[in-house]
C-alpha cells in the first residue's frame, strides 16, 4: 500500500488495463483519485482507499519548478 502520492505522479497498478498497460498518471487527488491510462488515455476514478490498495509503486514523481 503506497502512502504519499501527488498530482502528476505516474503509478504502476496491480492489474493491467484492458489495453494491456498498468502505468497510470494521477490527474486529480481528493477523496477520489482520478487516473489516466498511459497507453490509451482512458480516465477512471477510484476512491482513495481502493487506489492505495491497488497501487504497486510510484514510478515517476512530477517535479515542480518555482
N, C-alpha and C. Protein backbone atom coordinates (compact mmCIF):
# COMPACT_ATOMS: atom_id res chain seq x y z
N UNK A 1 0.85 -1.18 0.00
CA UNK A 1 0.00 0.00 0.00
C UNK A 1 0.90 1.24 0.00
N UNK A 2 0.70 2.11 -0.97
CA UNK A 2 1.52 3.31 -1.04
C UNK A 2 0.93 4.39 -0.13
N UNK A 3 1.77 5.28 0.34
CA UNK A 3 1.30 6.31 1.26
C UNK A 3 1.24 7.68 0.62
N UNK A 4 2.37 8.18 0.14
CA UNK A 4 2.45 9.54 -0.40
C UNK A 4 2.35 9.53 -1.91
N UNK A 5 1.43 10.30 -2.44
CA UNK A 5 1.32 10.47 -3.89
C UNK A 5 0.78 11.86 -4.15
N UNK A 6 1.12 12.39 -5.31
CA UNK A 6 0.74 13.75 -5.66
C UNK A 6 0.21 13.82 -7.08
N UNK A 7 -0.37 14.94 -7.40
CA UNK A 7 -0.86 15.21 -8.73
C UNK A 7 0.29 15.13 -9.73
N UNK A 8 0.10 14.41 -10.83
CA UNK A 8 1.12 14.30 -11.87
C UNK A 8 2.04 13.10 -11.72
N UNK A 9 1.95 12.36 -10.62
CA UNK A 9 2.79 11.18 -10.44
C UNK A 9 2.35 10.07 -11.39
N UNK A 10 3.30 9.25 -11.84
CA UNK A 10 3.00 8.06 -12.62
C UNK A 10 3.06 6.87 -11.68
N UNK A 11 2.02 6.03 -11.72
CA UNK A 11 1.87 4.95 -10.76
C UNK A 11 1.70 3.63 -11.50
N UNK A 12 2.34 2.56 -10.99
CA UNK A 12 2.15 1.21 -11.51
C UNK A 12 1.08 0.53 -10.65
N UNK A 13 0.02 0.04 -11.30
CA UNK A 13 -1.08 -0.61 -10.60
C UNK A 13 -0.90 -2.13 -10.63
N UNK A 14 -1.62 -2.83 -9.74
CA UNK A 14 -1.53 -4.29 -9.67
C UNK A 14 -2.00 -4.96 -10.96
N UNK A 15 -3.20 -4.60 -11.40
CA UNK A 15 -3.78 -5.21 -12.59
C UNK A 15 -3.64 -4.29 -13.79
N UNK A 16 -3.36 -4.84 -14.96
CA UNK A 16 -3.29 -4.00 -16.16
C UNK A 16 -4.68 -3.58 -16.64
N UNK A 17 -4.72 -2.49 -17.38
CA UNK A 17 -5.95 -2.02 -18.01
C UNK A 17 -6.28 -2.97 -19.17
N UNK A 18 -7.45 -2.86 -19.73
CA UNK A 18 -7.86 -3.73 -20.84
C UNK A 18 -6.93 -3.58 -22.05
N UNK A 19 -6.28 -2.42 -22.19
CA UNK A 19 -5.36 -2.22 -23.31
C UNK A 19 -4.00 -2.88 -23.05
N UNK A 20 -3.77 -3.36 -21.83
CA UNK A 20 -2.54 -4.06 -21.50
C UNK A 20 -1.54 -3.24 -20.70
N UNK A 21 -1.82 -1.97 -20.49
CA UNK A 21 -0.90 -1.08 -19.76
C UNK A 21 -1.25 -1.07 -18.27
N UNK A 22 -0.23 -1.01 -17.40
CA UNK A 22 -0.51 -0.87 -15.98
C UNK A 22 0.12 0.39 -15.39
N UNK A 23 0.52 1.33 -16.25
CA UNK A 23 1.02 2.63 -15.81
C UNK A 23 -0.08 3.68 -15.97
N UNK A 24 -0.31 4.45 -14.92
CA UNK A 24 -1.35 5.47 -14.90
C UNK A 24 -0.77 6.77 -14.36
N UNK A 25 -1.32 7.89 -14.82
CA UNK A 25 -0.92 9.21 -14.34
C UNK A 25 -2.04 9.78 -13.48
N UNK A 26 -1.69 10.29 -12.32
CA UNK A 26 -2.67 10.87 -11.41
C UNK A 26 -3.03 12.27 -11.91
N UNK A 27 -4.32 12.49 -12.19
CA UNK A 27 -4.76 13.80 -12.69
C UNK A 27 -5.63 14.55 -11.69
N UNK A 28 -6.07 13.90 -10.63
CA UNK A 28 -6.86 14.57 -9.59
C UNK A 28 -6.66 13.82 -8.29
N UNK A 29 -6.51 14.57 -7.20
CA UNK A 29 -6.35 13.97 -5.87
C UNK A 29 -7.33 14.64 -4.93
N UNK A 30 -8.04 13.83 -4.19
CA UNK A 30 -9.01 14.32 -3.21
C UNK A 30 -9.56 13.10 -2.49
N UNK A 31 -10.85 13.09 -2.21
CA UNK A 31 -11.48 11.91 -1.64
C UNK A 31 -11.43 10.78 -2.68
N UNK A 32 -11.49 11.17 -3.96
CA UNK A 32 -11.32 10.23 -5.06
C UNK A 32 -10.01 10.56 -5.77
N UNK A 33 -9.46 9.57 -6.47
CA UNK A 33 -8.24 9.77 -7.25
C UNK A 33 -8.58 9.50 -8.70
N UNK A 34 -8.29 10.46 -9.57
CA UNK A 34 -8.57 10.33 -11.00
C UNK A 34 -7.28 9.94 -11.70
N UNK A 35 -7.36 8.91 -12.54
CA UNK A 35 -6.19 8.37 -13.23
C UNK A 35 -6.41 8.36 -14.73
N UNK A 36 -5.31 8.57 -15.48
CA UNK A 36 -5.34 8.50 -16.95
C UNK A 36 -4.38 7.40 -17.38
N UNK A 37 -4.86 6.48 -18.20
CA UNK A 37 -4.03 5.38 -18.70
C UNK A 37 -2.91 5.94 -19.58
N UNK A 38 -1.70 5.43 -19.39
CA UNK A 38 -0.54 5.93 -20.13
C UNK A 38 -0.58 5.51 -21.60
N UNK A 39 -1.25 4.41 -21.95
CA UNK A 39 -1.28 3.95 -23.33
C UNK A 39 -2.48 4.47 -24.11
N UNK A 40 -3.69 4.26 -23.60
CA UNK A 40 -4.88 4.61 -24.39
C UNK A 40 -5.55 5.91 -23.96
N UNK A 41 -5.20 6.46 -22.81
CA UNK A 41 -5.76 7.72 -22.37
C UNK A 41 -7.10 7.63 -21.65
N UNK A 42 -7.58 6.43 -21.39
CA UNK A 42 -8.85 6.25 -20.67
C UNK A 42 -8.73 6.85 -19.27
N UNK A 43 -9.79 7.50 -18.80
CA UNK A 43 -9.78 8.11 -17.48
C UNK A 43 -10.72 7.33 -16.57
N UNK A 44 -10.23 7.00 -15.37
CA UNK A 44 -11.04 6.30 -14.37
C UNK A 44 -10.87 7.03 -13.04
N UNK A 45 -11.87 6.87 -12.17
CA UNK A 45 -11.80 7.42 -10.83
C UNK A 45 -11.95 6.30 -9.83
N UNK A 46 -11.10 6.30 -8.82
CA UNK A 46 -11.16 5.34 -7.73
C UNK A 46 -11.23 6.12 -6.43
N UNK A 47 -11.91 5.55 -5.42
CA UNK A 47 -11.83 6.24 -4.14
C UNK A 47 -10.42 6.01 -3.57
N UNK A 48 -10.02 6.87 -2.68
CA UNK A 48 -8.64 6.89 -2.20
C UNK A 48 -8.20 5.55 -1.63
N UNK A 49 -9.04 4.90 -0.84
CA UNK A 49 -8.67 3.63 -0.21
C UNK A 49 -8.46 2.54 -1.26
N UNK A 50 -9.36 2.44 -2.27
CA UNK A 50 -9.19 1.45 -3.33
C UNK A 50 -7.92 1.72 -4.13
N UNK A 51 -7.64 3.00 -4.40
CA UNK A 51 -6.42 3.35 -5.12
C UNK A 51 -5.18 2.92 -4.35
N UNK A 52 -5.15 3.21 -3.05
CA UNK A 52 -3.98 2.86 -2.26
C UNK A 52 -3.78 1.35 -2.17
N UNK A 53 -4.86 0.59 -2.16
CA UNK A 53 -4.75 -0.87 -2.11
C UNK A 53 -4.25 -1.45 -3.43
N UNK A 54 -4.65 -0.85 -4.56
CA UNK A 54 -4.32 -1.44 -5.86
C UNK A 54 -3.07 -0.85 -6.50
N UNK A 55 -2.48 0.17 -5.93
CA UNK A 55 -1.25 0.75 -6.48
C UNK A 55 -0.04 -0.02 -5.97
N UNK A 56 0.87 -0.36 -6.87
CA UNK A 56 2.09 -1.07 -6.51
C UNK A 56 3.22 -0.13 -6.12
N UNK A 57 3.52 0.84 -7.00
CA UNK A 57 4.62 1.74 -6.73
C UNK A 57 4.49 3.01 -7.56
N UNK A 58 5.13 4.06 -7.07
CA UNK A 58 5.19 5.32 -7.81
C UNK A 58 6.44 5.26 -8.68
N UNK A 59 6.24 5.36 -10.00
CA UNK A 59 7.34 5.25 -10.94
C UNK A 59 8.07 6.57 -11.08
N UNK A 60 7.33 7.65 -11.28
CA UNK A 60 7.94 8.94 -11.54
C UNK A 60 7.20 10.01 -10.76
N UNK A 61 7.96 10.79 -10.02
CA UNK A 61 7.38 11.93 -9.32
C UNK A 61 7.44 13.13 -10.24
N UNK A 62 6.38 13.89 -10.29
CA UNK A 62 6.35 15.13 -11.07
C UNK A 62 7.15 16.17 -10.32
N UNK A 63 8.08 16.82 -10.97
CA UNK A 63 8.87 17.86 -10.32
C UNK A 63 8.25 19.21 -10.63
N UNK A 64 8.15 20.02 -9.60
CA UNK A 64 7.58 21.35 -9.79
C UNK A 64 8.70 22.39 -9.69
N UNK A 65 8.78 23.26 -10.66
CA UNK A 65 9.80 24.30 -10.70
C UNK A 65 9.20 25.59 -10.14
N UNK A 66 9.97 26.38 -9.38
CA UNK A 66 9.42 27.62 -8.80
C UNK A 66 9.15 28.69 -9.81
